[in-house]
Amino acid sequence: MALDHAEFDRLLTQAQSCAQRAADENDPLLYKDAFEFSLQAMRLLAEESGAWRQMVARATEEFEGDEASEPVASLPWRAVQP
């Protein structure tokens, strides 16, 4: 899953706009709206972060599996040089 940059930017712009209006108008409901837009943006980032963690974990497992199947002498960083 790739981060939807357009949606992320839209949410941040909405949050900033609501926050500015809330400050200008001293309206607590607009602060709440700004906070909710910020939470939605953070959720998008959290989803992307979770997807990256899963991909890294999978790649690590695959690498460790490949490494275990190779003879130690064939690995360049483990080979003993005369």
N, C-alpha and C. Protein backbone atom coordinates (compact mmCIF):
# COMPACT_ATOMS: atom_id res chain seq x y z
N MET A 1 0.85 -1.18 0.00
CA MET A 1 0.00 0.00 0.00
C MET A 1 0.88 1.24 0.00
N ALA A 2 0.63 2.15 -0.89
CA ALA A 2 1.40 3.38 -0.96
C ALA A 2 0.58 4.52 -0.34
N LEU A 3 1.29 5.40 0.30
CA LEU A 3 0.64 6.56 0.92
C LEU A 3 -0.01 7.41 -0.17
N ASP A 4 -1.25 7.75 0.02
CA ASP A 4 -1.97 8.62 -0.91
C ASP A 4 -1.58 10.06 -0.55
N HIS A 5 -0.57 10.56 -1.23
CA HIS A 5 -0.04 11.90 -0.90
C HIS A 5 -1.08 12.99 -1.10
N ALA A 6 -1.90 12.85 -2.12
CA ALA A 6 -2.93 13.87 -2.38
C ALA A 6 -3.92 13.92 -1.22
N GLU A 7 -4.35 12.75 -0.76
CA GLU A 7 -5.30 12.69 0.36
C GLU A 7 -4.64 13.21 1.64
N PHE A 8 -3.39 12.82 1.86
CA PHE A 8 -2.66 13.29 3.04
C PHE A 8 -2.53 14.81 3.03
N ASP A 9 -2.14 15.37 1.90
CA ASP A 9 -2.01 16.83 1.78
C ASP A 9 -3.36 17.52 1.96
N ARG A 10 -4.42 16.92 1.41
CA ARG A 10 -5.75 17.49 1.56
C ARG A 10 -6.15 17.55 3.03
N LEU A 11 -5.90 16.47 3.75
CA LEU A 11 -6.25 16.43 5.18
C LEU A 11 -5.45 17.46 5.97
N LEU A 12 -4.18 17.58 5.67
CA LEU A 12 -3.36 18.58 6.38
C LEU A 12 -3.81 20.00 6.06
N THR A 13 -4.16 20.25 4.80
CA THR A 13 -4.65 21.57 4.41
C THR A 13 -5.96 21.88 5.12
N GLN A 14 -6.85 20.89 5.18
CA GLN A 14 -8.11 21.08 5.88
C GLN A 14 -7.87 21.36 7.36
N ALA A 15 -6.96 20.61 7.98
CA ALA A 15 -6.65 20.82 9.40
C ALA A 15 -6.11 22.22 9.63
N GLN A 16 -5.21 22.65 8.77
CA GLN A 16 -4.62 23.99 8.90
C GLN A 16 -5.68 25.07 8.70
N SER A 17 -6.54 24.89 7.73
CA SER A 17 -7.58 25.86 7.46
C SER A 17 -8.55 25.97 8.64
N CYS A 18 -8.97 24.82 9.16
CA CYS A 18 -9.88 24.83 10.32
C CYS A 18 -9.22 25.46 11.53
N ALA A 19 -7.96 25.15 11.74
CA ALA A 19 -7.25 25.71 12.89
C ALA A 19 -7.14 27.23 12.77
N GLN A 20 -6.84 27.71 11.56
CA GLN A 20 -6.73 29.15 11.36
C GLN A 20 -8.09 29.84 11.58
N ARG A 21 -9.13 29.24 11.02
CA ARG A 21 -10.48 29.81 11.23
C ARG A 21 -10.87 29.76 12.70
N ALA A 22 -10.53 28.68 13.38
CA ALA A 22 -10.85 28.56 14.81
C ALA A 22 -10.17 29.67 15.60
N ALA A 23 -8.92 29.95 15.26
CA ALA A 23 -8.19 31.02 15.95
C ALA A 23 -8.79 32.38 15.63
N ASP A 24 -9.13 32.58 14.36
CA ASP A 24 -9.71 33.87 13.95
C ASP A 24 -11.09 34.10 14.57
N GLU A 25 -11.89 33.03 14.63
CA GLU A 25 -13.27 33.16 15.09
C GLU A 25 -13.48 32.71 16.53
N ASN A 26 -12.43 32.20 17.15
CA ASN A 26 -12.51 31.68 18.52
C ASN A 26 -13.67 30.68 18.65
N ASP A 27 -13.68 29.73 17.71
CA ASP A 27 -14.76 28.74 17.64
C ASP A 27 -14.22 27.36 18.02
N PRO A 28 -14.61 26.83 19.18
CA PRO A 28 -14.12 25.53 19.63
C PRO A 28 -14.48 24.38 18.68
N LEU A 29 -15.60 24.48 17.98
CA LEU A 29 -15.97 23.42 17.05
C LEU A 29 -15.00 23.32 15.88
N LEU A 30 -14.46 24.45 15.47
CA LEU A 30 -13.46 24.43 14.39
C LEU A 30 -12.15 23.82 14.88
N TYR A 31 -11.79 24.04 16.14
CA TYR A 31 -10.61 23.37 16.70
C TYR A 31 -10.81 21.86 16.67
N LYS A 32 -12.03 21.44 17.02
CA LYS A 32 -12.36 20.00 16.99
C LYS A 32 -12.22 19.46 15.57
N ASP A 33 -12.74 20.19 14.60
CA ASP A 33 -12.62 19.76 13.20
C ASP A 33 -11.16 19.65 12.78
N ALA A 34 -10.37 20.64 13.16
CA ALA A 34 -8.94 20.62 12.81
C ALA A 34 -8.27 19.39 13.42
N PHE A 35 -8.61 19.10 14.66
CA PHE A 35 -8.04 17.93 15.33
C PHE A 35 -8.44 16.65 14.61
N GLU A 36 -9.70 16.54 14.21
CA GLU A 36 -10.16 15.34 13.51
C GLU A 36 -9.48 15.16 12.16
N PHE A 37 -9.27 16.25 11.42
CA PHE A 37 -8.53 16.14 10.16
C PHE A 37 -7.10 15.70 10.41
N SER A 38 -6.50 16.19 11.48
CA SER A 38 -5.13 15.79 11.83
C SER A 38 -5.08 14.30 12.17
N LEU A 39 -6.08 13.83 12.91
CA LEU A 39 -6.13 12.40 13.24
C LEU A 39 -6.25 11.54 11.99
N GLN A 40 -7.06 11.97 11.05
CA GLN A 40 -7.20 11.21 9.80
C GLN A 40 -5.87 11.14 9.05
N ALA A 41 -5.15 12.24 9.03
CA ALA A 41 -3.84 12.26 8.38
C ALA A 41 -2.87 11.32 9.09
N MET A 42 -2.92 11.33 10.43
CA MET A 42 -2.04 10.44 11.19
C MET A 42 -2.39 8.97 10.95
N ARG A 43 -3.67 8.69 10.78
CA ARG A 43 -4.09 7.31 10.49
C ARG A 43 -3.51 6.84 9.15
N LEU A 44 -3.52 7.73 8.16
CA LEU A 44 -2.91 7.36 6.87
C LEU A 44 -1.44 7.01 7.05
N LEU A 45 -0.73 7.82 7.83
CA LEU A 45 0.69 7.54 8.08
C LEU A 45 0.87 6.23 8.85
N ALA A 46 0.01 5.99 9.82
CA ALA A 46 0.12 4.76 10.62
C ALA A 46 -0.11 3.53 9.75
N GLU A 47 -1.08 3.60 8.84
CA GLU A 47 -1.34 2.48 7.94
C GLU A 47 -0.12 2.21 7.06
N GLU A 48 0.48 3.27 6.56
CA GLU A 48 1.67 3.12 5.71
C GLU A 48 2.82 2.55 6.52
N SER A 49 2.98 3.04 7.74
CA SER A 49 4.05 2.55 8.61
C SER A 49 3.87 1.06 8.88
N GLY A 50 2.64 0.65 9.15
CA GLY A 50 2.37 -0.77 9.40
C GLY A 50 2.69 -1.61 8.18
N ALA A 51 2.35 -1.12 7.00
CA ALA A 51 2.65 -1.84 5.77
C ALA A 51 4.15 -1.98 5.58
N TRP A 52 4.91 -0.92 5.85
CA TRP A 52 6.36 -0.98 5.73
C TRP A 52 6.96 -1.97 6.71
N ARG A 53 6.45 -1.97 7.96
CA ARG A 53 6.96 -2.91 8.96
C ARG A 53 6.74 -4.35 8.50
N GLN A 54 5.57 -4.62 7.95
CA GLN A 54 5.29 -5.98 7.47
C GLN A 54 6.22 -6.37 6.33
N MET A 55 6.47 -5.44 5.39
CA MET A 55 7.35 -5.75 4.27
C MET A 55 8.79 -5.99 4.75
N VAL A 56 9.25 -5.18 5.71
CA VAL A 56 10.61 -5.36 6.23
C VAL A 56 10.72 -6.69 6.97
N ALA A 57 9.71 -7.02 7.77
CA ALA A 57 9.73 -8.29 8.50
C ALA A 57 9.75 -9.47 7.52
N ARG A 58 8.94 -9.39 6.46
CA ARG A 58 8.90 -10.45 5.47
C ARG A 58 10.25 -10.58 4.76
N ALA A 59 10.82 -9.44 4.37
CA ALA A 59 12.12 -9.46 3.67
C ALA A 59 13.20 -10.01 4.58
N THR A 60 13.15 -9.65 5.86
CA THR A 60 14.14 -10.16 6.82
C THR A 60 14.02 -11.66 6.96
N GLU A 61 12.79 -12.15 7.08
CA GLU A 61 12.58 -13.60 7.19
C GLU A 61 13.10 -14.32 5.95
N GLU A 62 12.82 -13.76 4.78
CA GLU A 62 13.29 -14.38 3.54
C GLU A 62 14.81 -14.37 3.48
N PHE A 63 15.44 -13.26 3.87
CA PHE A 63 16.89 -13.17 3.85
C PHE A 63 17.49 -14.18 4.82
N GLU A 64 16.94 -14.25 6.03
CA GLU A 64 17.47 -15.19 7.01
C GLU A 64 17.30 -16.63 6.53
N GLY A 65 16.20 -16.90 5.85
CA GLY A 65 15.99 -18.24 5.29
C GLY A 65 16.99 -18.54 4.21
N ASP A 66 17.26 -17.58 3.32
CA ASP A 66 18.26 -17.76 2.26
C ASP A 66 19.65 -17.92 2.84
N GLU A 67 19.96 -17.12 3.86
CA GLU A 67 21.29 -17.16 4.48
C GLU A 67 21.53 -18.52 5.13
N ALA A 68 20.52 -19.08 5.76
CA ALA A 68 20.67 -20.37 6.43
C ALA A 68 20.89 -21.50 5.45
N SER A 69 20.42 -21.37 4.22
CA SER A 69 20.56 -22.45 3.24
C SER A 69 21.90 -22.41 2.51
N GLU A 70 22.66 -21.31 2.63
CA GLU A 70 23.95 -21.21 1.96
C GLU A 70 25.06 -21.72 2.87
N PRO A 71 26.05 -22.39 2.29
CA PRO A 71 27.21 -22.78 3.10
C PRO A 71 27.93 -21.52 3.59
N VAL A 72 28.44 -21.57 4.78
CA VAL A 72 29.08 -20.40 5.39
C VAL A 72 30.25 -19.90 4.54
N ALA A 73 31.01 -20.80 3.96
CA ALA A 73 32.17 -20.39 3.17
C ALA A 73 31.78 -19.62 1.92
N SER A 74 30.55 -19.78 1.45
CA SER A 74 30.14 -19.07 0.23
C SER A 74 29.72 -17.64 0.51
N LEU A 75 29.54 -17.27 1.78
CA LEU A 75 29.17 -15.90 2.11
C LEU A 75 30.43 -15.06 2.20
N PRO A 76 30.53 -14.01 1.39
CA PRO A 76 31.77 -13.24 1.31
C PRO A 76 32.21 -12.61 2.63
N TRP A 77 31.29 -12.20 3.45
CA TRP A 77 31.70 -11.55 4.70
C TRP A 77 32.06 -12.55 5.77
N ARG A 78 31.80 -13.84 5.52
CA ARG A 78 32.13 -14.87 6.51
C ARG A 78 33.27 -15.75 6.03
N ALA A 79 33.64 -15.59 4.79
CA ALA A 79 34.72 -16.44 4.25
C ALA A 79 36.04 -16.05 4.89
N VAL A 80 36.81 -17.07 5.20
CA VAL A 80 38.12 -16.84 5.77
C VAL A 80 39.10 -16.68 4.63
N GLN A 81 39.80 -15.56 4.63
CA GLN A 81 40.78 -15.30 3.58
C GLN A 81 42.16 -15.72 4.05
N PRO A 82 42.90 -16.44 3.19
CA PRO A 82 44.26 -16.87 3.58
C PRO A 82 45.22 -15.70 3.60
